[in-house]
Amino acid sequence: MPELLTPTTERHDAWLACHREWGHGVHEDGFAIKPEDDVESVEGFAAWVARLHSLPAARAWWIVEGDEVQGGIVLRHVTNETTLRLGHAGYGIRPSARGRGLARWALGQIRLHARAAGLDRLLLVCLDDNVGSITTIERNGGILEEVVDDPHGRLRRYWIDADDDITELSPPHTAH
C-alpha cells in the first residue's frame, strides 16, 4: 500500500534507484531537484533533503511502497508568481510504476493537505501532450482553464477545488 512520506536520508539508496530509472538529465517533477543539487553523495543528499525540509512555501513528500520510492509530490501552499507559473502541485512517478494510479492517489492525498493549509482550490499545470498527467488531473476533478504556449511547450492549466468530495483516495493497484 502506498504512503506519502517526508523525505529522509535513510532512504538514500531507494531514492537513488528511483532517480536513476528516470535517466540522466531527465526532469523529475515532484522532487524539487535543482541542477546544482548533488544527490549521489551521502553529504550532498543530506543537504538536499535538508533543503526540502526548509522550503519556505512548499512541502515535499515521497510516494513510497514498501521499501521502494515510486515518485514524489510537492505542494506549494501559497499562491505567488511561481505557483501561477508552475501550479500548486508537481508530481512524478518513476517509469516502472506508471499506469497504476499512484499519481492520481497522491494528488488526492495532497488535496487533503491543501485544505488543511487553507487553500480552496489548486492550480495544476502539465504539458499538453502528457496524457498521464491530464488523466490524473481530470480524475481529481480538474477543470481546464486554458492551453497556453510556453518556452517549455504548450501547457494545460487546470483548477481543482480542494473542498470537493475526493472519491479517488483508494490506493492504486499494487506492483506486480
C-alpha atoms as a PDB file:
ATOM      1  CA  MET A   1       0.000   0.000   0.000  1.00  0.00           C
ATOM      2  CA  PRO A   2       1.462   3.393  -0.913  1.00  0.00           C
ATOM      3  CA  GLU A   3       2.278   6.092   1.603  1.00  0.00           C
ATOM      4  CA  LEU A   4       3.273   9.731   1.382  1.00  0.00           C
ATOM      5  CA  LEU A   5       6.408  10.061   3.494  1.00  0.00           C
ATOM      6  CA  THR A   6       8.537  13.044   4.369  1.00  0.00           C
ATOM      7  CA  PRO A   7      11.941  12.847   2.630  1.00  0.00           C
ATOM      8  CA  THR A   8      14.639  11.287   4.796  1.00  0.00           C
ATOM      9  CA  THR A   9      18.309  10.444   4.392  1.00  0.00           C
ATOM     10  CA  GLU A  10      17.587   6.852   5.484  1.00  0.00           C
ATOM     11  CA  ARG A  11      16.023   6.186   2.066  1.00  0.00           C
ATOM     12  CA  HIS A  12      19.043   7.336   0.054  1.00  0.00           C
ATOM     13  CA  ASP A  13      19.547   4.014  -1.792  1.00  0.00           C
ATOM     14  CA  ALA A  14      15.820   3.585  -2.508  1.00  0.00           C
ATOM     15  CA  TRP A  15      15.551   7.178  -3.714  1.00  0.00           C
ATOM     16  CA  LEU A  16      18.637   6.781  -5.931  1.00  0.00           C
ATOM     17  CA  ALA A  17      17.103   3.687  -7.574  1.00  0.00           C
ATOM     18  CA  CYS A  18      14.024   5.749  -8.420  1.00  0.00           C
ATOM     19  CA  HIS A  19      16.120   8.701  -9.593  1.00  0.00           C
ATOM     20  CA  ARG A  20      18.337   6.571 -11.833  1.00  0.00           C
ATOM     21  CA  GLU A  21      15.341   4.967 -13.510  1.00  0.00           C
ATOM     22  CA  TRP A  22      14.369   8.339 -14.997  1.00  0.00           C
ATOM     23  CA  GLY A  23      17.710   8.550 -16.790  1.00  0.00           C
ATOM     24  CA  HIS A  24      20.461  11.154 -16.721  1.00  0.00           C
ATOM     25  CA  GLY A  25      19.353  14.711 -17.354  1.00  0.00           C
ATOM     26  CA  VAL A  26      15.615  13.984 -17.432  1.00  0.00           C
ATOM     27  CA  HIS A  27      13.464  16.372 -15.389  1.00  0.00           C
ATOM     28  CA  GLU A  28      11.757  14.662 -12.453  1.00  0.00           C
ATOM     29  CA  ASP A  29       8.630  16.503 -11.361  1.00  0.00           C
ATOM     30  CA  GLY A  30       7.807  16.236  -7.695  1.00  0.00           C
ATOM     31  CA  PHE A  31      11.353  16.060  -6.343  1.00  0.00           C
ATOM     32  CA  ALA A  32      12.308  19.759  -6.352  1.00  0.00           C
ATOM     33  CA  ILE A  33      15.795  18.937  -7.630  1.00  0.00           C
ATOM     34  CA  LYS A  34      17.919  21.808  -8.856  1.00  0.00           C
ATOM     35  CA  PRO A  35      20.724  21.243 -11.389  1.00  0.00           C
ATOM     36  CA  GLU A  36      23.322  22.072  -8.731  1.00  0.00           C
ATOM     37  CA  ASP A  37      21.987  19.511  -6.203  1.00  0.00           C
ATOM     38  CA  ASP A  38      24.387  16.625  -5.530  1.00  0.00           C
ATOM     39  CA  VAL A  39      22.057  13.758  -4.710  1.00  0.00           C
ATOM     40  CA  GLU A  40      24.584  10.980  -5.343  1.00  0.00           C
ATOM     41  CA  SER A  41      26.937  11.565  -2.399  1.00  0.00           C
ATOM     42  CA  VAL A  42      25.778  10.996   1.173  1.00  0.00           C
ATOM     43  CA  GLU A  43      26.669  14.583   2.128  1.00  0.00           C
ATOM     44  CA  GLY A  44      25.027  16.124  -0.932  1.00  0.00           C
ATOM     45  CA  PHE A  45      21.890  14.023  -0.473  1.00  0.00           C
ATOM     46  CA  ALA A  46      21.666  15.079   3.182  1.00  0.00           C
ATOM     47  CA  ALA A  47      21.974  18.741   2.156  1.00  0.00           C
ATOM     48  CA  TRP A  48      19.257  18.321  -0.490  1.00  0.00           C
ATOM     49  CA  VAL A  49      16.893  16.584   1.965  1.00  0.00           C
ATOM     50  CA  ALA A  50      17.531  19.389   4.487  1.00  0.00           C
ATOM     51  CA  ARG A  51      16.645  21.931   1.784  1.00  0.00           C
ATOM     52  CA  LEU A  52      13.398  20.062   1.085  1.00  0.00           C
ATOM     53  CA  HIS A  53      12.506  20.329   4.767  1.00  0.00           C
ATOM     54  CA  SER A  54      13.147  24.075   4.744  1.00  0.00           C
ATOM     55  CA  LEU A  55      11.192  25.064   1.627  1.00  0.00           C
ATOM     56  CA  PRO A  56       9.515  28.318   2.684  1.00  0.00           C
ATOM     57  CA  ALA A  57       6.274  27.997   0.729  1.00  0.00           C
ATOM     58  CA  ALA A  58       6.064  24.301  -0.100  1.00  0.00           C
ATOM     59  CA  ARG A  59       6.107  20.811   1.331  1.00  0.00           C
ATOM     60  CA  ALA A  60       7.535  17.710  -0.339  1.00  0.00           C
ATOM     61  CA  TRP A  61       6.692  14.034   0.076  1.00  0.00           C
ATOM     62  CA  TRP A  62       7.950  10.831  -1.456  1.00  0.00           C
ATOM     63  CA  ILE A  63       5.481   8.264  -2.725  1.00  0.00           C
ATOM     64  CA  VAL A  64       6.685   5.027  -1.136  1.00  0.00           C
ATOM     65  CA  GLU A  65       5.527   1.421  -1.410  1.00  0.00           C
ATOM     66  CA  GLY A  66       7.280  -0.978   0.917  1.00  0.00           C
ATOM     67  CA  ASP A  67      10.981  -0.212   0.572  1.00  0.00           C
ATOM     68  CA  GLU A  68      10.699   1.465  -2.849  1.00  0.00           C
ATOM     69  CA  VAL A  69      10.418   5.159  -3.620  1.00  0.00           C
ATOM     70  CA  GLN A  70       7.967   5.287  -6.533  1.00  0.00           C
ATOM     71  CA  GLY A  71       7.884   9.048  -7.029  1.00  0.00           C
ATOM     72  CA  GLY A  72       7.496  12.422  -5.406  1.00  0.00           C
ATOM     73  CA  ILE A  73       4.954  15.184  -4.995  1.00  0.00           C
ATOM     74  CA  VAL A  74       5.255  18.793  -3.868  1.00  0.00           C
ATOM     75  CA  LEU A  75       2.505  21.107  -2.623  1.00  0.00           C
ATOM     76  CA  ARG A  76       3.129  24.834  -2.931  1.00  0.00           C
ATOM     77  CA  HIS A  77       0.804  26.174  -0.259  1.00  0.00           C
ATOM     78  CA  VAL A  78       0.938  29.835  -1.215  1.00  0.00           C
ATOM     79  CA  THR A  79      -0.264  31.456  -4.396  1.00  0.00           C
ATOM     80  CA  ASN A  80       2.530  33.579  -5.810  1.00  0.00           C
ATOM     81  CA  GLU A  81       4.252  34.168  -9.143  1.00  0.00           C
ATOM     82  CA  THR A  82       5.993  30.778  -9.053  1.00  0.00           C
ATOM     83  CA  THR A  83       2.771  28.964  -8.237  1.00  0.00           C
ATOM     84  CA  LEU A  84       0.911  30.753 -11.022  1.00  0.00           C
ATOM     85  CA  ARG A  85       3.598  29.550 -13.442  1.00  0.00           C
ATOM     86  CA  LEU A  86       4.183  26.001 -12.153  1.00  0.00           C
ATOM     87  CA  GLY A  87       0.966  25.191 -10.289  1.00  0.00           C
ATOM     88  CA  HIS A  88       0.268  24.404  -6.652  1.00  0.00           C
ATOM     89  CA  ALA A  89       1.370  20.781  -7.049  1.00  0.00           C
ATOM     90  CA  GLY A  90       4.020  18.981  -9.048  1.00  0.00           C
ATOM     91  CA  TYR A  91       4.434  15.238  -9.110  1.00  0.00           C
ATOM     92  CA  GLY A  92       6.301  12.493 -10.878  1.00  0.00           C
ATOM     93  CA  ILE A  93       6.201   8.704 -10.881  1.00  0.00           C
ATOM     94  CA  ARG A  94       9.181   6.536 -11.839  1.00  0.00           C
ATOM     95  CA  PRO A  95       8.694   4.935 -15.259  1.00  0.00           C
ATOM     96  CA  SER A  96       8.255   1.337 -13.981  1.00  0.00           C
ATOM     97  CA  ALA A  97       5.465   2.393 -11.579  1.00  0.00           C
ATOM     98  CA  ARG A  98       3.379   4.431 -14.035  1.00  0.00           C
ATOM     99  CA  GLY A  99      -0.120   3.454 -15.133  1.00  0.00           C
ATOM    100  CA  ARG A 100      -1.210   2.068 -11.744  1.00  0.00           C
ATOM    101  CA  GLY A 101      -2.895   5.181 -10.339  1.00  0.00           C
ATOM    102  CA  LEU A 102      -0.123   6.297  -7.955  1.00  0.00           C
ATOM    103  CA  ALA A 103      -0.167   9.902  -9.190  1.00  0.00           C
ATOM    104  CA  ARG A 104      -3.988  10.022  -9.010  1.00  0.00           C
ATOM    105  CA  TRP A 105      -3.869   8.700  -5.454  1.00  0.00           C
ATOM    106  CA  ALA A 106      -1.046  11.051  -4.388  1.00  0.00           C
ATOM    107  CA  LEU A 107      -2.806  14.100  -5.849  1.00  0.00           C
ATOM    108  CA  GLY A 108      -5.956  13.127  -3.925  1.00  0.00           C
ATOM    109  CA  GLN A 109      -3.903  12.957  -0.731  1.00  0.00           C
ATOM    110  CA  ILE A 110      -2.360  16.361  -1.462  1.00  0.00           C
ATOM    111  CA  ARG A 111      -5.827  17.853  -1.840  1.00  0.00           C
ATOM    112  CA  LEU A 112      -6.417  16.954   1.821  1.00  0.00           C
ATOM    113  CA  HIS A 113      -3.192  18.746   2.795  1.00  0.00           C
ATOM    114  CA  ALA A 114      -4.194  21.735   0.658  1.00  0.00           C
ATOM    115  CA  ARG A 115      -7.467  22.034   2.567  1.00  0.00           C
ATOM    116  CA  ALA A 116      -5.577  21.938   5.859  1.00  0.00           C
ATOM    117  CA  ALA A 117      -3.280  24.717   4.551  1.00  0.00           C
ATOM    118  CA  GLY A 118      -6.321  26.885   3.785  1.00  0.00           C
ATOM    119  CA  LEU A 119      -6.334  26.520   0.002  1.00  0.00           C
ATOM    120  CA  ASP A 120      -9.784  26.424  -1.579  1.00  0.00           C
ATOM    121  CA  ARG A 121      -8.527  25.378  -4.992  1.00  0.00           C
ATOM    122  CA  LEU A 122      -5.343  24.231  -6.662  1.00  0.00           C
ATOM    123  CA  LEU A 123      -3.787  25.166  -9.974  1.00  0.00           C
ATOM    124  CA  LEU A 124      -2.242  22.211 -11.818  1.00  0.00           C
ATOM    125  CA  VAL A 125      -0.104  22.675 -14.923  1.00  0.00           C
ATOM    126  CA  CYS A 126       1.057  19.982 -17.344  1.00  0.00           C
ATOM    127  CA  LEU A 127       2.347  19.680 -20.872  1.00  0.00           C
ATOM    128  CA  ASP A 128      -0.408  19.456 -23.476  1.00  0.00           C
ATOM    129  CA  ASP A 129       0.854  16.060 -24.670  1.00  0.00           C
ATOM    130  CA  ASN A 130       1.218  14.466 -21.194  1.00  0.00           C
ATOM    131  CA  VAL A 131      -1.752  12.107 -21.331  1.00  0.00           C
ATOM    132  CA  GLY A 132      -0.911  10.554 -17.944  1.00  0.00           C
ATOM    133  CA  SER A 133      -0.985  13.903 -16.125  1.00  0.00           C
ATOM    134  CA  ILE A 134      -4.081  15.056 -17.981  1.00  0.00           C
ATOM    135  CA  THR A 135      -5.892  11.885 -16.874  1.00  0.00           C
ATOM    136  CA  THR A 136      -4.591  12.232 -13.300  1.00  0.00           C
ATOM    137  CA  ILE A 137      -5.744  15.845 -13.038  1.00  0.00           C
ATOM    138  CA  GLU A 138      -9.139  15.256 -14.651  1.00  0.00           C
ATOM    139  CA  ARG A 139      -9.822  12.223 -12.413  1.00  0.00           C
ATOM    140  CA  ASN A 140      -9.215  14.527  -9.451  1.00  0.00           C
ATOM    141  CA  GLY A 141     -11.848  16.978 -10.692  1.00  0.00           C
ATOM    142  CA  GLY A 142      -9.569  19.259 -12.698  1.00  0.00           C
ATOM    143  CA  ILE A 143     -11.343  21.812 -14.881  1.00  0.00           C
ATOM    144  CA  LEU A 144      -9.355  23.051 -17.856  1.00  0.00           C
ATOM    145  CA  GLU A 145      -8.852  26.821 -17.709  1.00  0.00           C
ATOM    146  CA  GLU A 146      -6.727  27.243 -20.824  1.00  0.00           C
ATOM    147  CA  VAL A 147      -3.974  25.899 -23.029  1.00  0.00           C
ATOM    148  CA  VAL A 148      -1.068  28.329 -23.392  1.00  0.00           C
ATOM    149  CA  ASP A 149       2.211  28.482 -25.256  1.00  0.00           C
ATOM    150  CA  ASP A 150       5.267  28.496 -23.002  1.00  0.00           C
ATOM    151  CA  PRO A 151       9.033  28.279 -23.652  1.00  0.00           C
ATOM    152  CA  HIS A 152       8.753  24.630 -22.451  1.00  0.00           C
ATOM    153  CA  GLY A 153       5.898  23.804 -24.850  1.00  0.00           C
ATOM    154  CA  ARG A 154       2.121  24.001 -24.857  1.00  0.00           C
ATOM    155  CA  LEU A 155       0.793  23.875 -21.304  1.00  0.00           C
ATOM    156  CA  ARG A 156      -2.616  22.928 -19.972  1.00  0.00           C
ATOM    157  CA  ARG A 157      -3.768  24.854 -16.884  1.00  0.00           C
ATOM    158  CA  TYR A 158      -6.366  23.206 -14.657  1.00  0.00           C
ATOM    159  CA  TRP A 159      -8.111  24.206 -11.438  1.00  0.00           C
ATOM    160  CA  ILE A 160      -9.217  21.664  -8.829  1.00  0.00           C
ATOM    161  CA  ASP A 161     -11.481  22.572  -5.928  1.00  0.00           C
ATOM    162  CA  ALA A 162      -9.790  21.345  -2.774  1.00  0.00           C
ATOM    163  CA  ASP A 163     -13.140  21.131  -0.982  1.00  0.00           C
ATOM    164  CA  ASP A 164     -14.852  18.819  -3.489  1.00  0.00           C
ATOM    165  CA  ASP A 165     -15.544  15.289  -2.381  1.00  0.00           C
ATOM    166  CA  ILE A 166     -12.440  13.290  -3.040  1.00  0.00           C
ATOM    167  CA  THR A 167     -13.532   9.952  -4.472  1.00  0.00           C
ATOM    168  CA  GLU A 168     -10.133   8.852  -5.774  1.00  0.00           C
ATOM    169  CA  LEU A 169      -8.438   8.218  -2.425  1.00  0.00           C
ATOM    170  CA  SER A 170      -8.480   4.437  -2.678  1.00  0.00           C
ATOM    171  CA  PRO A 171      -4.980   3.039  -3.050  1.00  0.00           C
ATOM    172  CA  PRO A 172      -3.785   2.212  -6.547  1.00  0.00           C
ATOM    173  CA  HIS A 173      -3.070  -1.235  -7.944  1.00  0.00           C
ATOM    174  CA  THR A 174      -0.140  -2.909  -6.243  1.00  0.00           C
ATOM    175  CA  ALA A 175       3.074  -3.680  -8.107  1.00  0.00           C
ATOM    176  CA  HIS A 176       3.258  -6.976  -9.954  1.00  0.00           C
END
